[in-house]
Amino acid sequence: MILVTGATGNIGRELVPQLLAKGEALRVVTRDAAKIGALDPRVERIIGDLRDGATVKRAVAGADAVFLVGIIADASQTADRALIAESAHAGVHRLVKISARSTGRGIGQMHFEQEELIRRSGVAWTFLRCGMFMSNTLGWAGTIAAQGAVFSPFGQGKMAMIAPRDIAAVATLALTDPRHRGETYELYGAELLTVAEQVNVLSRVLGEPIKLIDITPQAAGERLRAAGGSDLLVEGLVALWTTVRDGQAAFSNHEVARLTGRPAQNFEAFCADHKADFRPSAHP
């Protein structure tokens, strides 16, 4: 039995069918039953909040492996710490964690602390330190619909974004093949692009002009804070945006191809797959 946290998120929605295709027994946890109404009936469901100790015990009981996304909005990390501790107590054999390079503060520091906690737990682990998610660009849909524009704090910095389906493919290997225990994989796309280049790709796929409007990381952080973003989230993202803007995040690699045997998805293919998501007004 594999416990998948974050099953309704961008990675989870790709991971669940990939694991089912391998014949794995799955369990998911969600606070909102409606979000998993269309989930494959073979998947066991637990309705509850992982910030509740009783839910954590139910979720982990009998699980051989746990996929941990982490609750970024939880500055105290209480829920994730409890899940890690209960995994060790319940005899979980392996824990696969979505992580990131540590920046020494904010979200990066949170991931570093969780990695250390997992190492000390005694549970076999695999860490997937991911670069920028392609799915983050789906957040552009609102301003594209309203203003025909994308607002970006990244400047002319380049990044090699990675598609959720590729992260899920590596996670599937890590969750089902013991040869990946104790490994830390740095997962990036193979294609370095500025946001201007990304917007041009998306404009071509959608067949409509899209403006790019540059804003500072600090201004973007204030907008996020005004929308309810936590201090941890704002601090971490401002640091990330600044790092990319300064040209210090231009990392790319071919780890996805090496591990899975197929190339990582490029941004144009991702946009084509998600045309409807970039056009929310087109949904009924």
Protein backbone atom coordinates (compact mmCIF):
# COMPACT_ATOMS: atom_id res chain seq x y z
CA MET A 1 0.00 0.00 0.00
CA ILE A 2 1.29 3.43 -0.99
CA LEU A 3 0.00 6.56 0.72
CA VAL A 4 -0.08 9.53 -1.67
CA THR A 5 -0.35 12.95 -0.05
CA GLY A 6 -1.26 15.89 -2.27
CA ALA A 7 -3.20 13.56 -4.58
CA THR A 8 -5.35 16.42 -5.90
CA GLY A 9 -2.34 18.63 -6.68
CA ASN A 10 -0.47 18.95 -9.96
CA ILE A 11 2.00 16.16 -9.19
CA GLY A 12 -0.51 13.94 -7.42
CA ARG A 13 -2.93 13.96 -10.33
CA GLU A 14 -0.14 12.59 -12.51
CA LEU A 15 1.27 10.19 -9.93
CA VAL A 16 -1.93 8.31 -9.04
CA PRO A 17 -2.61 6.94 -12.55
CA GLN A 18 1.05 6.09 -13.07
CA LEU A 19 1.12 4.03 -9.88
CA LEU A 20 -2.19 2.37 -10.71
CA ALA A 21 -0.81 1.42 -14.12
CA LYS A 22 1.91 -0.51 -12.27
CA GLY A 23 -0.72 -2.36 -10.25
CA GLU A 24 0.04 -0.66 -6.94
CA ALA A 25 -2.54 -0.42 -4.14
CA LEU A 26 -3.07 3.25 -3.27
CA ARG A 27 -4.50 5.36 -0.48
CA VAL A 28 -5.09 9.12 -0.60
CA VAL A 29 -6.06 11.68 2.01
CA THR A 30 -8.12 14.78 1.35
CA ARG A 31 -10.13 17.30 3.32
CA ASP A 32 -12.61 17.70 0.47
CA ALA A 33 -14.28 14.52 -0.79
CA ALA A 34 -15.62 16.39 -3.84
CA LYS A 35 -12.08 16.87 -5.15
CA ILE A 36 -11.58 13.12 -5.52
CA GLY A 37 -15.06 12.26 -6.74
CA ALA A 38 -13.73 11.22 -10.16
CA LEU A 39 -10.77 9.28 -8.76
CA ASP A 40 -10.33 5.69 -9.87
CA PRO A 41 -12.48 3.46 -7.63
CA ARG A 42 -9.48 1.27 -6.87
CA VAL A 43 -7.98 4.04 -4.75
CA GLU A 44 -8.71 3.93 -1.01
CA ARG A 45 -9.89 7.28 0.33
CA ILE A 46 -9.49 8.86 3.74
CA ILE A 47 -11.40 12.07 4.30
CA GLY A 48 -9.62 14.14 6.90
CA ASP A 49 -6.95 16.71 7.65
CA LEU A 50 -3.31 15.65 8.03
CA ARG A 51 -2.99 18.33 10.71
CA ASP A 52 -5.14 16.01 12.84
CA GLY A 53 -3.23 13.25 14.63
CA ALA A 54 -6.00 10.67 14.28
CA THR A 55 -6.13 11.21 10.52
CA VAL A 56 -2.36 10.77 10.27
CA LYS A 57 -2.54 7.42 12.10
CA ARG A 58 -5.33 6.18 9.82
CA ALA A 59 -3.48 7.35 6.72
CA VAL A 60 -0.21 5.62 7.57
CA ALA A 61 -1.57 2.40 9.08
CA GLY A 62 -0.48 -0.55 6.92
CA ALA A 63 1.31 1.62 4.34
CA ASP A 64 4.55 0.34 2.87
CA ALA A 65 5.52 3.65 1.28
CA VAL A 66 4.59 7.32 1.62
CA PHE A 67 4.75 10.08 -0.96
CA LEU A 68 5.20 13.41 0.83
CA VAL A 69 4.52 16.70 -0.93
CA GLY A 70 4.56 18.83 2.21
CA ILE A 71 2.24 21.62 3.33
CA ILE A 72 4.11 24.79 2.38
CA ALA A 73 1.58 27.06 4.06
CA ASP A 74 2.27 25.41 7.44
CA ALA A 75 5.16 27.46 8.82
CA SER A 76 5.42 25.23 11.90
CA GLN A 77 5.65 22.08 9.75
CA THR A 78 3.52 20.38 12.41
CA ALA A 79 1.58 18.20 9.96
CA ASP A 80 4.60 17.06 7.98
CA ARG A 81 6.60 16.36 11.13
CA ALA A 82 3.74 14.26 12.49
CA LEU A 83 3.47 12.30 9.24
CA ILE A 84 7.20 11.57 9.23
CA ALA A 85 7.17 10.48 12.87
CA GLU A 86 4.10 8.28 12.42
CA SER A 87 5.62 6.72 9.29
CA ALA A 88 8.62 5.65 11.34
CA HIS A 89 6.42 4.41 14.20
CA ALA A 90 4.15 2.42 11.86
CA GLY A 91 7.03 0.69 10.08
CA VAL A 92 6.76 2.37 6.68
CA HIS A 93 9.53 1.01 4.46
CA ARG A 94 10.21 4.05 2.29
CA LEU A 95 9.39 7.73 2.10
CA VAL A 96 9.68 9.76 -1.09
CA LYS A 97 9.72 13.52 -0.54
CA ILE A 98 9.28 16.38 -2.98
CA SER A 99 12.04 18.79 -2.03
CA ALA A 100 14.16 21.63 -3.39
CA ARG A 101 17.61 23.10 -3.11
CA SER A 102 18.01 24.86 0.21
CA THR A 103 18.36 28.64 0.05
CA GLY A 104 18.99 28.81 3.80
CA ARG A 105 15.68 30.57 4.42
CA GLY A 106 11.98 30.36 3.76
CA ILE A 107 10.74 27.36 1.78
CA GLY A 108 14.25 26.14 0.96
CA GLN A 109 15.12 25.98 4.65
CA MET A 110 11.86 24.15 5.37
CA HIS A 111 12.76 21.46 2.83
CA PHE A 112 16.27 21.15 4.29
CA GLU A 113 14.90 20.69 7.81
CA GLN A 114 12.43 18.05 6.64
CA GLU A 115 15.13 16.13 4.81
CA GLU A 116 17.21 16.06 8.00
CA LEU A 117 14.19 14.91 10.01
CA ILE A 118 13.54 12.08 7.55
CA ARG A 119 17.18 11.00 7.61
CA ARG A 120 17.00 10.74 11.41
CA SER A 121 13.66 8.87 11.33
CA GLY A 122 15.12 5.54 10.27
CA VAL A 123 12.77 5.25 7.27
CA ALA A 124 14.46 4.61 3.92
CA TRP A 125 14.11 7.73 1.77
CA THR A 126 14.43 9.29 -1.66
CA PHE A 127 14.49 13.07 -2.12
CA LEU A 128 13.33 14.67 -5.35
CA ARG A 129 14.77 18.20 -5.42
CA CYS A 130 12.76 19.80 -8.17
CA GLY A 131 13.31 22.95 -10.14
CA MET A 132 10.50 25.30 -11.15
CA PHE A 133 7.26 23.52 -11.97
CA MET A 134 5.77 24.13 -15.42
CA SER A 135 2.38 23.98 -13.73
CA ASN A 136 3.16 27.27 -11.94
CA THR A 137 2.50 29.00 -15.25
CA LEU A 138 -1.14 27.91 -15.06
CA GLY A 139 -1.46 30.76 -12.56
CA TRP A 140 -1.17 33.13 -15.50
CA ALA A 141 -4.64 32.17 -16.74
CA GLY A 142 -6.48 34.84 -14.73
CA THR A 143 -4.47 37.84 -15.93
CA ILE A 144 -4.33 36.50 -19.49
CA ALA A 145 -8.12 36.31 -19.52
CA ALA A 146 -8.61 39.70 -17.84
CA GLN A 147 -5.77 41.75 -19.31
CA GLY A 148 -4.10 39.70 -22.02
CA ALA A 149 -0.94 39.88 -19.94
CA VAL A 150 1.47 37.96 -17.74
CA PHE A 151 3.05 39.73 -14.74
CA SER A 152 6.46 38.30 -13.92
CA PRO A 153 9.11 38.99 -11.23
CA PHE A 154 11.75 36.81 -12.95
CA GLY A 155 13.22 39.48 -15.25
CA GLN A 156 15.45 37.98 -17.94
CA GLY A 157 16.60 35.07 -15.79
CA LYS A 158 16.55 31.65 -17.40
CA MET A 159 15.16 28.48 -15.83
CA ALA A 160 14.61 24.89 -16.92
CA MET A 161 11.11 24.11 -15.74
CA ILE A 162 9.95 20.56 -15.18
CA ALA A 163 6.52 19.08 -15.93
CA PRO A 164 4.54 17.43 -13.11
CA ARG A 165 4.18 14.25 -15.17
CA ASP A 166 7.98 13.88 -15.23
CA ILE A 167 8.29 14.41 -11.48
CA ALA A 168 5.54 11.80 -11.04
CA ALA A 169 7.38 9.36 -13.29
CA VAL A 170 10.53 9.59 -11.15
CA ALA A 171 8.43 9.40 -7.97
CA THR A 172 6.80 6.22 -9.29
CA LEU A 173 10.23 4.64 -9.68
CA ALA A 174 11.33 5.77 -6.23
CA LEU A 175 8.16 4.43 -4.59
CA THR A 176 8.29 1.02 -6.25
CA ASP A 177 11.95 0.20 -6.85
CA PRO A 178 14.27 -0.24 -3.84
CA ARG A 179 17.31 0.68 -5.94
CA HIS A 180 16.39 4.35 -5.49
CA ARG A 181 16.61 4.28 -1.70
CA GLY A 182 19.03 6.78 -0.24
CA GLU A 183 19.22 8.77 -3.49
CA THR A 184 18.77 12.52 -3.93
CA TYR A 185 17.74 13.48 -7.45
CA GLU A 186 17.98 17.01 -8.81
CA LEU A 187 15.13 17.23 -11.31
CA TYR A 188 15.10 19.98 -13.92
CA GLY A 189 13.91 20.24 -17.47
CA ALA A 190 16.41 20.17 -20.31
CA GLU A 191 15.24 23.48 -21.83
CA LEU A 192 16.43 26.83 -20.43
CA LEU A 193 13.91 29.62 -21.07
CA THR A 194 13.26 33.16 -19.87
CA VAL A 195 9.69 34.08 -18.99
CA ALA A 196 9.59 36.17 -22.18
CA GLU A 197 10.39 33.02 -24.16
CA GLN A 198 7.79 31.05 -22.22
CA VAL A 199 5.15 33.69 -22.94
CA ASN A 200 6.04 33.60 -26.63
CA VAL A 201 5.61 29.82 -26.67
CA LEU A 202 2.26 30.04 -24.92
CA SER A 203 1.10 32.84 -27.21
CA ARG A 204 1.89 30.68 -30.22
CA VAL A 205 0.10 27.64 -28.77
CA LEU A 206 -3.01 29.64 -27.84
CA GLY A 207 -2.95 31.62 -31.05
CA GLU A 208 -3.34 34.98 -29.32
CA PRO A 209 -1.00 37.83 -28.32
CA ILE A 210 0.07 37.97 -24.67
CA LYS A 211 1.90 40.92 -23.12
CA LEU A 212 4.67 40.46 -20.58
CA ILE A 213 4.82 42.99 -17.75
CA ASP A 214 7.90 42.98 -15.53
CA ILE A 215 7.42 43.58 -11.79
CA THR A 216 9.98 43.45 -9.00
CA PRO A 217 10.18 40.44 -6.67
CA GLN A 218 9.29 42.75 -3.77
CA ALA A 219 6.16 44.02 -5.53
CA ALA A 220 5.15 40.47 -6.39
CA GLY A 221 5.67 39.47 -2.77
CA GLU A 222 3.42 42.26 -1.53
CA ARG A 223 0.72 41.19 -3.97
CA LEU A 224 0.99 37.64 -2.68
CA ARG A 225 0.87 38.79 0.94
CA ALA A 226 -2.22 40.89 0.22
CA ALA A 227 -3.85 37.78 -1.26
CA GLY A 228 -3.26 35.89 1.99
CA GLY A 229 0.16 34.34 1.41
CA SER A 230 2.03 33.41 4.59
CA ASP A 231 5.27 35.11 5.60
CA LEU A 232 7.11 31.82 4.96
CA LEU A 233 5.70 31.55 1.45
CA VAL A 234 6.33 35.21 0.60
CA GLU A 235 9.90 35.17 1.93
CA GLY A 236 10.72 31.96 0.12
CA LEU A 237 9.27 33.06 -3.21
CA VAL A 238 10.87 36.52 -3.12
CA ALA A 239 14.22 34.79 -2.56
CA LEU A 240 13.54 32.41 -5.44
CA TRP A 241 12.39 35.15 -7.83
CA THR A 242 15.48 37.20 -7.00
CA THR A 243 17.78 34.23 -7.55
CA VAL A 244 16.30 33.57 -10.99
CA ARG A 245 16.29 37.27 -11.88
CA ASP A 246 20.00 37.48 -11.03
CA GLY A 247 20.78 34.60 -13.38
CA GLN A 248 21.69 32.19 -10.59
CA ALA A 249 19.10 29.50 -11.34
CA ALA A 250 19.98 28.54 -14.90
CA PHE A 251 20.25 24.83 -14.11
CA SER A 252 19.19 22.15 -16.56
CA ASN A 253 19.89 18.43 -16.75
CA HIS A 254 18.77 15.15 -18.28
CA GLU A 255 17.97 13.27 -15.06
CA VAL A 256 14.40 12.54 -16.17
CA ALA A 257 15.67 10.87 -19.34
CA ARG A 258 18.39 8.99 -17.46
CA LEU A 259 16.01 7.64 -14.85
CA THR A 260 12.87 7.01 -16.90
CA GLY A 261 14.31 6.27 -20.32
CA ARG A 262 12.35 9.06 -22.06
CA PRO A 263 13.04 12.78 -22.52
CA ALA A 264 11.49 15.34 -20.19
CA GLN A 265 8.45 17.12 -21.61
CA ASN A 266 9.22 20.51 -23.14
CA PHE A 267 7.23 23.66 -22.40
CA GLU A 268 5.47 23.80 -25.74
CA ALA A 269 4.10 20.27 -25.28
CA PHE A 270 2.99 21.17 -21.75
CA CYS A 271 1.13 24.24 -23.03
CA ALA A 272 -0.55 22.19 -25.75
CA ASP A 273 -1.68 19.62 -23.17
CA HIS A 274 -3.12 22.39 -20.95
CA LYS A 275 -4.66 24.77 -23.49
CA ALA A 276 -8.03 24.59 -21.74
CA ASP A 277 -6.45 25.35 -18.35
CA PHE A 278 -4.89 28.53 -19.73
CA ARG A 279 -8.37 29.58 -20.87
CA PRO A 280 -10.55 29.34 -17.74
CA SER A 281 -13.40 31.16 -19.44
CA ALA A 282 -13.67 28.25 -21.84
CA HIS A 283 -14.68 25.89 -19.06
CA PRO A 284 -18.42 25.34 -18.52
